[in-house]
Amino acid sequence: MDTPLLRRLCETPGIPGREERVRAVIEEVVADLFDEIRTDALGSLICTRRPTIAPKRGQKPVRVLIAAHMDEIGFYVRHIDEKGFLWINPAGGFDTRNLFARRVTVLTANGDYPGVMNPGGKPVHIASAEDRKKVPEIEEFFIDLGMDLTTIQRDVRIGDPVVLDEPFLELPNRIVSKALDNRLACFIAIEALRAIAGVSGAAGASGGKKSKSRKPGIGPDHAAEIVVAFTVQEEVGLRGAITAANQVEADIGIGLDTTLAVDTPGVPDTMRVTKQGDGVGIMLQDGSMIADAALSRELVDLAESHAIPVQRCILPRGGQDGAAIQRAGAGARCAAVVVGTRYIHTVTEMVDRTDVEAAIALLAAWLPRVA
């Protein structure tokens, strides 16, 4: 795997509505994997790879749309008080128990400023027993930039985006980072297309050696038109996928995302959704979509025939971009391909390397078969 690319994607800030830095990284990396790349009005990057096998006379190629969202959960500055503390509004879903004593970065027109985020209230040395039991609401959190008030008033504006700041970490069998939801899916889509194009992932890690997607004899041919939409604003309601899907008018859709892997202490097995190390997940039902049964079965059967570890899963609440594709225009047959992620919507999101490899392998094996 091109781990340096995954690191770059995860560490690049991009909250809902402000994904432009992530989009620029992806656009650079995929430049030669697609025949057409454009950015739509909402900010999604829509990339099209035309078939290498000509359709039969009078027929149109099947159009496949893979949606992977670029945004990560974050905040917007909503108020700057007279002492220079920044008060925030969330963009995405947070459990405030995970927000204590966090490092953040505030992205301003005059540069990026590091800071710390804490809730208002007494520190542990002077807090009462009742104080220590309280879980603060999101509106009680503020950011301290450790700067003089004059500089803050000059450089920080209402509406500036804020991201959590935590470095990418490689463990022996796993990867830990903020924003794996959903930069991981962006990465998987890129790596799968590289496999189809016959390009080594390591060659394109950081915008170095360019790929050669049309070099004769490289990579498998494919009869389908493959569209990958790197979408915006999924964390606030699948917004980018809705507009992208209505433009593309796909026949088949794949929502590519992370999902829960709560195979950890304190959660019963009946609620774990996926188990890390058991392979790529095929989501049969979640809070946004019931997947096409035949398409889901096709993906599972293909994985098993290629000895790709795979698991079937259901998520009671939550959703992914496939739901927008499924309901766009006249509708599309849709499935969801997911990777189980521990500690989701925190800065310690964790994925198993073999599960990531399985997701890449499955998409790379399936796309050339679509006709």
Protein backbone atom coordinates (compact mmCIF):
# COMPACT_ATOMS: atom_id res chain seq x y z
CA MET A 1 0.00 0.00 0.00
CA ASP A 2 1.01 3.59 -0.65
CA THR A 3 0.98 4.47 3.04
CA PRO A 4 2.62 7.89 2.49
CA LEU A 5 -0.38 8.88 0.36
CA LEU A 6 -2.81 7.75 3.06
CA ARG A 7 -0.87 9.76 5.62
CA ARG A 8 -0.97 12.82 3.37
CA LEU A 9 -4.70 12.49 2.85
CA CYS A 10 -5.45 12.06 6.55
CA GLU A 11 -3.26 14.92 7.70
CA THR A 12 -4.63 17.38 5.12
CA PRO A 13 -7.45 19.39 6.75
CA GLY A 14 -10.89 19.44 5.16
CA ILE A 15 -14.11 19.82 7.14
CA PRO A 16 -17.56 19.79 5.48
CA GLY A 17 -17.78 22.72 3.10
CA ARG A 18 -14.02 23.35 3.16
CA GLU A 19 -12.57 20.30 1.41
CA GLU A 20 -10.49 22.26 -1.12
CA ARG A 21 -7.08 21.21 0.23
CA VAL A 22 -7.99 17.52 0.15
CA ARG A 23 -9.45 17.91 -3.32
CA ALA A 24 -6.18 19.47 -4.54
CA VAL A 25 -4.16 16.51 -3.22
CA ILE A 26 -6.46 13.97 -4.87
CA GLU A 27 -6.59 15.87 -8.15
CA GLU A 28 -2.80 15.89 -8.30
CA VAL A 29 -2.49 12.17 -7.55
CA VAL A 30 -5.19 10.91 -9.94
CA ALA A 31 -4.40 13.22 -12.87
CA ASP A 32 -3.43 10.38 -15.24
CA LEU A 33 -5.84 7.72 -14.02
CA PHE A 34 -8.91 9.30 -15.61
CA ASP A 35 -9.94 10.73 -18.96
CA GLU A 36 -11.91 13.59 -17.45
CA ILE A 37 -11.67 15.32 -14.08
CA ARG A 38 -13.90 18.19 -13.03
CA THR A 39 -15.12 19.90 -9.90
CA ASP A 40 -18.86 20.43 -9.60
CA ALA A 41 -20.63 23.46 -8.16
CA LEU A 42 -20.73 22.03 -4.64
CA GLY A 43 -17.04 21.09 -4.69
CA SER A 44 -17.04 17.34 -5.34
CA LEU A 45 -14.31 16.04 -7.62
CA ILE A 46 -15.88 13.91 -10.36
CA CYS A 47 -13.42 11.69 -12.23
CA THR A 48 -14.37 9.63 -15.29
CA ARG A 49 -12.47 6.76 -16.89
CA ARG A 50 -13.91 5.67 -20.24
CA PRO A 51 -14.18 2.00 -21.20
CA THR A 52 -11.24 0.30 -22.83
CA ILE A 53 -13.60 -2.21 -24.45
CA ALA A 54 -15.96 -0.74 -27.02
CA PRO A 55 -19.66 -1.51 -26.42
CA LYS A 56 -21.69 -3.45 -28.94
CA ARG A 57 -23.31 -1.38 -31.65
CA GLY A 58 -26.35 0.48 -30.38
CA GLN A 59 -25.51 -0.13 -26.71
CA LYS A 60 -24.19 2.24 -24.10
CA PRO A 61 -21.55 1.13 -21.62
CA VAL A 62 -22.69 0.49 -18.07
CA ARG A 63 -21.82 3.48 -15.89
CA VAL A 64 -20.51 2.75 -12.40
CA LEU A 65 -20.28 5.49 -9.79
CA ILE A 66 -18.07 5.01 -6.74
CA ALA A 67 -18.58 7.69 -4.09
CA ALA A 68 -15.99 8.39 -1.39
CA HIS A 69 -16.36 11.51 0.71
CA MET A 70 -13.45 13.86 1.32
CA ASP A 71 -14.69 15.68 4.41
CA GLU A 72 -13.81 15.02 8.04
CA ILE A 73 -15.77 16.13 11.08
CA GLY A 74 -14.69 19.50 12.45
CA PHE A 75 -15.88 22.91 13.54
CA TYR A 76 -16.44 26.49 12.46
CA VAL A 77 -15.56 29.51 14.60
CA ARG A 78 -18.89 31.02 15.67
CA HIS A 79 -17.77 33.65 18.20
CA ILE A 80 -14.61 35.43 19.37
CA ASP A 81 -14.94 36.83 22.88
CA GLU A 82 -13.31 39.88 24.42
CA LYS A 83 -10.47 37.75 25.86
CA GLY A 84 -9.65 36.15 22.51
CA PHE A 85 -11.17 32.73 23.18
CA LEU A 86 -12.82 31.14 20.13
CA TRP A 87 -16.22 29.46 20.48
CA ILE A 88 -17.18 26.84 17.93
CA ASN A 89 -20.04 25.24 16.05
CA PRO A 90 -19.74 21.57 14.99
CA ALA A 91 -19.77 20.35 11.40
CA GLY A 92 -20.43 16.64 11.86
CA GLY A 93 -21.26 14.36 14.76
CA PHE A 94 -19.17 14.40 17.94
CA ASP A 95 -19.23 12.59 21.25
CA THR A 96 -18.04 15.37 23.57
CA ARG A 97 -16.41 12.82 25.89
CA ASN A 98 -13.70 12.58 23.22
CA LEU A 99 -13.06 16.33 22.97
CA PHE A 100 -11.33 17.13 26.25
CA ALA A 101 -7.83 18.60 26.04
CA ARG A 102 -7.49 18.35 22.27
CA ARG A 103 -5.03 20.07 20.00
CA VAL A 104 -6.62 21.83 17.05
CA THR A 105 -5.69 23.90 14.02
CA VAL A 106 -7.62 27.01 13.04
CA LEU A 107 -7.43 27.68 9.30
CA THR A 108 -7.51 31.40 8.56
CA ALA A 109 -6.94 33.54 5.48
CA ASN A 110 -3.68 34.63 7.11
CA GLY A 111 -2.35 31.16 7.91
CA ASP A 112 -2.98 28.10 10.05
CA TYR A 113 -2.82 28.59 13.81
CA PRO A 114 -2.38 25.75 16.32
CA GLY A 115 -4.37 25.86 19.52
CA VAL A 116 -5.96 23.80 22.26
CA MET A 117 -9.62 23.02 22.90
CA ASN A 118 -11.22 22.49 26.32
CA PRO A 119 -14.63 22.94 27.91
CA GLY A 120 -15.26 25.81 30.27
CA GLY A 121 -15.22 24.96 33.96
CA LYS A 122 -12.97 24.19 36.91
CA PRO A 123 -9.81 22.07 36.58
CA VAL A 124 -9.60 18.82 38.52
CA HIS A 125 -7.75 20.35 41.50
CA ILE A 126 -10.66 22.62 42.41
CA ALA A 127 -13.60 20.74 40.86
CA SER A 128 -16.19 19.12 43.09
CA ALA A 129 -17.20 15.48 42.76
CA GLU A 130 -20.36 16.62 40.98
CA ASP A 131 -18.34 18.85 38.62
CA ARG A 132 -16.23 15.88 37.57
CA LYS A 133 -19.31 13.81 36.65
CA LYS A 134 -20.63 16.35 34.19
CA VAL A 135 -20.21 15.77 30.45
CA PRO A 136 -20.21 19.20 28.77
CA GLU A 137 -22.24 20.07 25.72
CA ILE A 138 -20.53 21.06 22.49
CA GLU A 139 -21.35 24.75 22.99
CA GLU A 140 -19.27 24.76 26.20
CA PHE A 141 -16.02 24.07 24.35
CA PHE A 142 -13.67 26.89 23.40
CA ILE A 143 -10.27 27.24 21.71
CA ASP A 144 -7.24 28.97 23.20
CA LEU A 145 -4.70 30.02 20.57
CA GLY A 146 -2.19 31.30 23.14
CA MET A 147 -1.90 34.53 21.14
CA ASP A 148 -2.36 38.18 21.96
CA LEU A 149 -5.84 39.59 21.43
CA THR A 150 -4.71 42.06 18.76
CA THR A 151 -3.40 39.28 16.51
CA ILE A 152 -6.51 37.18 17.03
CA GLN A 153 -8.81 40.07 16.18
CA ARG A 154 -6.74 40.80 13.08
CA ASP A 155 -6.40 37.27 11.71
CA VAL A 156 -9.30 35.10 12.92
CA ARG A 157 -12.79 35.49 11.50
CA ILE A 158 -16.22 34.04 12.21
CA GLY A 159 -16.59 31.04 9.89
CA ASP A 160 -12.94 30.00 9.91
CA PRO A 161 -12.72 26.17 9.90
CA VAL A 162 -11.18 24.21 12.76
CA VAL A 163 -9.77 20.68 12.58
CA LEU A 164 -8.57 18.33 15.26
CA ASP A 165 -4.80 17.91 15.14
CA GLU A 166 -3.28 14.48 15.72
CA PRO A 167 -0.42 12.82 13.80
CA PHE A 168 -0.79 9.72 11.64
CA LEU A 169 0.49 6.60 13.41
CA GLU A 170 1.62 3.27 11.99
CA LEU A 171 1.34 0.25 14.27
CA PRO A 172 2.59 -3.24 13.35
CA ASN A 173 -0.78 -4.43 12.03
CA ARG A 174 -2.90 -1.30 12.08
CA ILE A 175 -3.06 2.34 11.12
CA VAL A 176 -4.30 5.07 13.45
CA SER A 177 -5.25 8.59 12.42
CA LYS A 178 -7.83 11.30 12.49
CA ALA A 179 -9.96 11.52 9.33
CA LEU A 180 -9.66 7.86 8.33
CA ASP A 181 -13.39 8.46 8.01
CA ASN A 182 -13.29 8.95 5.13
CA ARG A 183 -9.88 9.64 3.60
CA LEU A 184 -9.38 5.89 3.78
CA ALA A 185 -12.13 5.39 1.18
CA CYS A 186 -10.58 8.06 -1.05
CA PHE A 187 -7.31 6.16 -0.75
CA ILE A 188 -8.94 2.80 -1.52
CA ALA A 189 -10.57 4.20 -4.65
CA ILE A 190 -7.25 5.62 -5.84
CA GLU A 191 -5.37 2.38 -5.18
CA ALA A 192 -8.03 0.28 -6.93
CA LEU A 193 -7.89 2.52 -10.00
CA ARG A 194 -4.11 2.35 -9.94
CA ALA A 195 -4.38 -1.44 -9.99
CA ILE A 196 -6.73 -1.30 -12.98
CA ALA A 197 -4.36 1.12 -14.72
CA GLY A 198 -1.38 -1.09 -13.94
CA VAL A 199 0.34 1.60 -11.87
CA SER A 200 2.40 1.02 -8.75
CA GLY A 201 0.95 2.89 -5.79
CA ALA A 202 4.35 3.78 -4.38
CA ALA A 203 5.21 5.62 -7.58
CA GLY A 204 2.53 8.20 -6.99
CA ALA A 205 2.80 8.61 -3.25
CA SER A 206 3.26 12.34 -3.11
CA GLY A 207 2.80 13.64 -6.60
CA GLY A 208 6.00 12.11 -7.94
CA LYS A 209 6.14 9.74 -10.90
CA LYS A 210 2.98 10.03 -13.00
CA SER A 211 0.76 7.11 -13.88
CA LYS A 212 0.19 5.88 -17.43
CA SER A 213 -3.45 4.87 -17.51
CA ARG A 214 -3.58 4.28 -21.27
CA LYS A 215 -0.29 2.46 -21.84
CA PRO A 216 -1.08 -0.59 -24.04
CA GLY A 217 -1.00 -3.92 -22.28
CA ILE A 218 -1.03 -2.43 -18.78
CA GLY A 219 -3.88 -3.37 -16.44
CA PRO A 220 -7.08 -5.24 -17.25
CA ASP A 221 -9.52 -3.91 -19.83
CA HIS A 222 -12.96 -2.86 -18.67
CA ALA A 223 -16.27 -2.47 -20.49
CA ALA A 224 -17.85 -0.13 -17.93
CA GLU A 225 -17.47 3.60 -17.69
CA ILE A 226 -15.96 4.12 -14.24
CA VAL A 227 -16.75 7.33 -12.40
CA VAL A 228 -15.27 8.10 -9.00
CA ALA A 229 -16.81 11.01 -7.12
CA PHE A 230 -14.73 12.31 -4.25
CA THR A 231 -17.64 14.00 -2.54
CA VAL A 232 -18.11 16.89 -0.12
CA GLN A 233 -20.27 17.38 2.96
CA GLU A 234 -21.16 13.75 3.63
CA GLU A 235 -20.80 14.26 7.36
CA VAL A 236 -23.64 16.78 7.34
CA GLY A 237 -26.07 14.80 5.17
CA LEU A 238 -24.65 13.20 1.99
CA ARG A 239 -24.93 16.60 0.30
CA GLY A 240 -22.11 16.29 -2.23
CA ALA A 241 -23.15 12.77 -3.21
CA ILE A 242 -26.68 13.95 -3.93
CA THR A 243 -25.56 16.53 -6.48
CA ALA A 244 -22.86 14.27 -7.94
CA ALA A 245 -25.22 11.33 -8.37
CA ASN A 246 -27.80 13.45 -10.13
CA GLN A 247 -25.17 14.60 -12.62
CA VAL A 248 -23.61 11.20 -13.30
CA GLU A 249 -26.84 9.20 -13.66
CA ALA A 250 -25.15 5.90 -12.87
CA ASP A 251 -26.50 2.43 -13.55
CA ILE A 252 -24.62 0.93 -10.60
CA GLY A 253 -23.37 2.67 -7.47
CA ILE A 254 -20.90 1.84 -4.74
CA GLY A 255 -20.80 3.76 -1.47
CA LEU A 256 -17.21 3.44 -0.27
CA ASP A 257 -16.75 4.28 3.40
CA THR A 258 -15.61 3.27 6.83
CA THR A 259 -17.97 1.68 9.35
CA LEU A 260 -17.99 0.61 12.96
CA ALA A 261 -15.67 -2.07 14.29
CA VAL A 262 -16.67 -2.21 17.93
CA ASP A 263 -14.90 -5.50 18.57
CA THR A 264 -13.50 -3.87 21.70
CA PRO A 265 -14.08 -4.10 25.45
CA GLY A 266 -17.45 -2.92 26.72
CA VAL A 267 -19.48 -3.74 23.60
CA PRO A 268 -21.34 -7.06 23.16
CA ASP A 269 -20.61 -9.14 20.08
CA THR A 270 -24.17 -8.59 18.89
CA MET A 271 -23.38 -4.89 18.31
CA ARG A 272 -19.91 -5.04 16.77
CA VAL A 273 -21.01 -4.53 13.08
CA THR A 274 -17.59 -5.67 11.77
CA LYS A 275 -14.56 -7.38 13.24
CA GLN A 276 -11.11 -6.10 12.38
CA GLY A 277 -9.00 -8.56 10.44
CA ASP A 278 -12.02 -10.39 9.01
CA GLY A 279 -11.84 -8.54 5.72
CA VAL A 280 -13.66 -5.96 3.65
CA GLY A 281 -17.27 -5.37 4.66
CA ILE A 282 -20.31 -5.56 2.40
CA MET A 283 -22.98 -3.45 4.11
CA LEU A 284 -26.38 -5.00 3.48
CA GLN A 285 -28.40 -2.43 5.43
CA ASP A 286 -27.68 0.78 7.28
CA GLY A 287 -29.68 3.80 8.37
CA SER A 288 -29.62 5.30 4.88
CA MET A 289 -29.86 2.38 2.45
CA ILE A 290 -30.88 -1.22 1.92
CA ALA A 291 -28.33 -2.50 -0.57
CA ASP A 292 -29.21 -4.29 -3.80
CA ALA A 293 -29.23 -7.96 -2.82
CA ALA A 294 -27.93 -9.36 -6.10
CA LEU A 295 -25.10 -6.82 -6.35
CA SER A 296 -24.07 -7.42 -2.75
CA ARG A 297 -24.08 -11.17 -3.33
CA GLU A 298 -21.99 -10.69 -6.47
CA LEU A 299 -19.36 -8.80 -4.48
CA VAL A 300 -19.28 -11.39 -1.71
CA ASP A 301 -19.06 -14.29 -4.18
CA LEU A 302 -16.26 -12.58 -6.10
CA ALA A 303 -14.31 -11.95 -2.91
CA GLU A 304 -14.65 -15.56 -1.83
CA SER A 305 -13.65 -16.87 -5.26
CA HIS A 306 -10.50 -14.71 -5.15
CA ALA A 307 -9.67 -15.66 -1.54
CA ILE A 308 -10.25 -12.04 -0.48
CA PRO A 309 -11.43 -11.96 3.15
CA VAL A 310 -14.94 -10.54 3.30
CA GLN A 311 -17.67 -10.05 5.90
CA ARG A 312 -21.34 -9.18 5.59
CA CYS A 313 -22.57 -6.48 7.95
CA ILE A 314 -25.49 -4.32 9.07
CA LEU A 315 -25.30 -0.91 10.75
CA PRO A 316 -28.46 0.03 12.70
CA ARG A 317 -27.85 3.79 12.47
CA GLY A 318 -25.70 5.95 10.20
CA GLY A 319 -25.27 5.94 6.45
CA GLN A 320 -23.02 6.52 3.48
CA ASP A 321 -22.98 8.11 0.02
CA GLY A 322 -24.41 5.04 -1.72
CA ALA A 323 -27.83 6.06 -0.49
CA ALA A 324 -27.66 9.24 -2.58
CA ILE A 325 -26.69 7.28 -5.71
CA GLN A 326 -29.48 4.76 -5.13
CA ARG A 327 -32.16 7.47 -5.11
CA ALA A 328 -30.81 9.85 -7.75
CA GLY A 329 -32.78 10.33 -10.96
CA ALA A 330 -34.37 7.06 -12.04
CA GLY A 331 -32.42 5.19 -9.35
CA ALA A 332 -29.48 2.80 -9.45
CA ARG A 333 -28.51 -0.62 -8.16
CA CYS A 334 -26.26 0.10 -5.20
CA ALA A 335 -24.02 -1.66 -2.73
CA ALA A 336 -21.80 -0.40 0.08
CA VAL A 337 -18.17 -1.46 0.47
CA VAL A 338 -16.80 -0.61 3.90
CA VAL A 339 -13.79 -1.04 6.16
CA GLY A 340 -14.33 -1.63 9.87
CA THR A 341 -12.88 1.18 11.95
CA ARG A 342 -12.38 1.27 15.69
CA TYR A 343 -12.94 4.48 17.70
CA ILE A 344 -14.72 6.17 14.78
CA HIS A 345 -15.27 9.96 14.88
CA THR A 346 -12.23 10.42 17.13
CA VAL A 347 -8.58 11.28 16.51
CA THR A 348 -7.65 7.64 17.20
CA GLU A 349 -9.58 5.97 14.39
CA MET A 350 -7.95 2.59 13.72
CA VAL A 351 -8.06 0.23 10.74
CA ASP A 352 -6.48 -3.14 10.06
CA ARG A 353 -4.06 -3.19 7.13
CA THR A 354 -5.38 -6.49 5.79
CA ASP A 355 -8.93 -5.14 5.70
CA VAL A 356 -7.76 -2.15 3.67
CA GLU A 357 -5.87 -4.42 1.27
CA ALA A 358 -8.97 -6.59 0.91
CA ALA A 359 -11.12 -3.58 -0.03
CA ILE A 360 -8.62 -2.49 -2.68
CA ALA A 361 -8.35 -6.02 -4.08
CA LEU A 362 -12.11 -6.48 -4.26
CA LEU A 363 -12.77 -3.25 -6.17
CA ALA A 364 -9.84 -3.90 -8.50
CA ALA A 365 -11.19 -7.39 -9.25
CA TRP A 366 -14.83 -6.33 -9.63
CA LEU A 367 -14.64 -3.21 -11.80
CA PRO A 368 -13.18 -4.96 -14.90
CA ARG A 369 -16.03 -7.51 -14.71
CA VAL A 370 -18.87 -4.99 -14.84
CA ALA A 371 -20.62 -5.04 -18.20
